[in-house]
Each structure stands twice: as structure tokens, then as C-alpha cells.
Amino acid sequence: MAVHRIVREALTNVVRHSGARRAAVSLVRHDDRLTVEIANDGAGGGAGELP
């Protein structure tokens, strides 16, 4: 449930702030870790990686 909300918020931010025409969501599971990546072709400045 948390991942769904994080992805939804990230995509909302892409639409509102980046001017992107495309966005891609990547979920990678490795052992007990999940990496979520949202990439887009917008011109907005990124916030960077979360710890």
C-alpha cells in the first residue's frame, strides 16, 4: 500500500511540475529490499535520491 501511494505522489508531481510528456515507473526487488524509480523526460529539477 505504501509503495502505491509513493508512486502515485511521484507521478502527480511529474504531471504538475516537470512538464514531462512521458514517465516510467521501475520496481526492482532484491532480497528484502524494494527499489522504486520514477523517470521522466521533463525539464524540472530533481530532488535526488532518498536514503
N, C-alpha and C. Protein backbone atom coordinates (compact mmCIF):
# COMPACT_ATOMS: atom_id res chain seq x y z
N MET A 1 0.81 -1.19 0.00
CA MET A 1 0.00 0.00 0.00
C MET A 1 0.87 1.26 0.00
N ALA A 2 1.94 1.24 0.78
CA ALA A 2 2.82 2.41 0.85
C ALA A 2 3.48 2.69 -0.49
N VAL A 3 3.91 1.64 -1.18
CA VAL A 3 4.57 1.82 -2.48
C VAL A 3 3.59 2.45 -3.47
N HIS A 4 2.36 1.99 -3.46
CA HIS A 4 1.34 2.55 -4.35
C HIS A 4 1.19 4.05 -4.12
N ARG A 5 1.13 4.47 -2.88
CA ARG A 5 0.97 5.89 -2.56
C ARG A 5 2.19 6.70 -2.96
N ILE A 6 3.37 6.14 -2.76
CA ILE A 6 4.61 6.83 -3.15
C ILE A 6 4.66 7.03 -4.66
N VAL A 7 4.35 5.98 -5.40
CA VAL A 7 4.36 6.07 -6.87
C VAL A 7 3.31 7.07 -7.34
N ARG A 8 2.13 7.01 -6.76
CA ARG A 8 1.05 7.93 -7.16
C ARG A 8 1.47 9.38 -6.90
N GLU A 9 2.06 9.66 -5.76
CA GLU A 9 2.51 11.01 -5.45
C GLU A 9 3.62 11.46 -6.40
N ALA A 10 4.54 10.55 -6.69
CA ALA A 10 5.63 10.89 -7.62
C ALA A 10 5.09 11.22 -9.01
N LEU A 11 4.15 10.42 -9.49
CA LEU A 11 3.57 10.69 -10.81
C LEU A 11 2.75 11.98 -10.81
N THR A 12 2.07 12.26 -9.71
CA THR A 12 1.35 13.53 -9.60
C THR A 12 2.33 14.69 -9.69
N ASN A 13 3.47 14.58 -9.03
CA ASN A 13 4.49 15.63 -9.09
C ASN A 13 5.06 15.78 -10.50
N VAL A 14 5.25 14.68 -11.20
CA VAL A 14 5.72 14.75 -12.58
C VAL A 14 4.74 15.57 -13.41
N VAL A 15 3.46 15.26 -13.30
CA VAL A 15 2.44 15.96 -14.09
C VAL A 15 2.39 17.44 -13.73
N ARG A 16 2.45 17.75 -12.46
CA ARG A 16 2.30 19.14 -12.01
C ARG A 16 3.52 20.02 -12.24
N HIS A 17 4.72 19.45 -12.11
CA HIS A 17 5.90 20.29 -12.03
C HIS A 17 6.96 20.10 -13.11
N SER A 18 6.97 19.00 -13.81
CA SER A 18 8.11 18.75 -14.70
C SER A 18 7.87 19.12 -16.15
N GLY A 19 6.63 19.20 -16.57
CA GLY A 19 6.35 19.43 -17.98
C GLY A 19 6.68 18.21 -18.83
N ALA A 20 6.76 17.06 -18.22
CA ALA A 20 7.14 15.82 -18.93
C ALA A 20 6.02 15.36 -19.85
N ARG A 21 6.42 14.70 -20.92
CA ARG A 21 5.46 14.07 -21.83
C ARG A 21 5.38 12.58 -21.55
N ARG A 22 6.43 12.04 -20.92
CA ARG A 22 6.48 10.60 -20.60
C ARG A 22 7.05 10.39 -19.21
N ALA A 23 6.59 9.32 -18.59
CA ALA A 23 7.14 8.92 -17.30
C ALA A 23 7.18 7.39 -17.27
N ALA A 24 8.15 6.86 -16.56
CA ALA A 24 8.28 5.41 -16.43
C ALA A 24 8.50 5.06 -14.97
N VAL A 25 7.86 3.99 -14.54
CA VAL A 25 7.98 3.52 -13.17
C VAL A 25 8.73 2.19 -13.20
N SER A 26 9.73 2.07 -12.36
CA SER A 26 10.51 0.84 -12.27
C SER A 26 10.50 0.36 -10.82
N LEU A 27 10.14 -0.90 -10.62
CA LEU A 27 10.19 -1.53 -9.31
C LEU A 27 11.13 -2.72 -9.39
N VAL A 28 12.14 -2.73 -8.54
CA VAL A 28 13.11 -3.83 -8.54
C VAL A 28 13.20 -4.38 -7.13
N ARG A 29 12.97 -5.66 -7.02
CA ARG A 29 13.05 -6.33 -5.71
C ARG A 29 14.34 -7.16 -5.66
N HIS A 30 15.07 -6.99 -4.58
CA HIS A 30 16.29 -7.75 -4.37
C HIS A 30 16.33 -8.15 -2.90
N ASP A 31 16.18 -9.43 -2.65
CA ASP A 31 16.10 -9.96 -1.28
C ASP A 31 14.96 -9.25 -0.53
N ASP A 32 15.29 -8.55 0.55
CA ASP A 32 14.26 -7.88 1.34
C ASP A 32 14.17 -6.38 1.05
N ARG A 33 14.67 -5.97 -0.10
CA ARG A 33 14.71 -4.55 -0.46
C ARG A 33 13.94 -4.30 -1.74
N LEU A 34 13.22 -3.18 -1.80
CA LEU A 34 12.49 -2.77 -2.99
C LEU A 34 12.99 -1.39 -3.39
N THR A 35 13.41 -1.28 -4.65
CA THR A 35 13.84 0.00 -5.18
C THR A 35 12.77 0.50 -6.14
N VAL A 36 12.34 1.74 -5.94
CA VAL A 36 11.34 2.37 -6.78
C VAL A 36 12.01 3.53 -7.50
N GLU A 37 11.88 3.55 -8.82
CA GLU A 37 12.45 4.64 -9.60
C GLU A 37 11.38 5.20 -10.52
N ILE A 38 11.25 6.53 -10.51
CA ILE A 38 10.34 7.22 -11.41
C ILE A 38 11.21 8.09 -12.30
N ALA A 39 11.17 7.85 -13.59
CA ALA A 39 11.95 8.63 -14.55
C ALA A 39 10.99 9.35 -15.47
N ASN A 40 11.38 10.55 -15.90
CA ASN A 40 10.54 11.29 -16.84
C ASN A 40 11.41 12.14 -17.75
N ASP A 41 10.80 12.65 -18.82
CA ASP A 41 11.54 13.45 -19.78
C ASP A 41 11.31 14.94 -19.59
N GLY A 42 10.90 15.32 -18.40
CA GLY A 42 10.63 16.73 -18.11
C GLY A 42 11.88 17.51 -17.80
N ALA A 43 11.70 18.82 -17.73
CA ALA A 43 12.83 19.73 -17.51
C ALA A 43 12.98 20.15 -16.06
N GLY A 44 12.11 19.70 -15.18
CA GLY A 44 12.16 20.10 -13.77
C GLY A 44 13.40 19.58 -13.08
N GLY A 45 13.82 20.28 -12.03
CA GLY A 45 14.97 19.84 -11.25
C GLY A 45 14.59 18.70 -10.33
N GLY A 46 15.42 17.70 -10.24
CA GLY A 46 15.14 16.53 -9.41
C GLY A 46 15.47 16.76 -7.95
N ALA A 47 14.81 16.03 -7.10
CA ALA A 47 15.06 16.13 -5.67
C ALA A 47 16.19 15.22 -5.23
N GLY A 48 16.61 14.31 -6.10
CA GLY A 48 17.68 13.40 -5.75
C GLY A 48 17.15 12.11 -5.17
N GLU A 49 18.05 11.29 -4.67
CA GLU A 49 17.67 10.00 -4.11
C GLU A 49 17.32 10.13 -2.65
N LEU A 50 16.40 9.29 -2.24
CA LEU A 50 16.07 9.21 -0.82
C LEU A 50 16.96 8.17 -0.18
N PRO A 51 17.34 8.38 1.09
CA PRO A 51 18.22 7.40 1.76
C PRO A 51 17.56 6.06 1.93
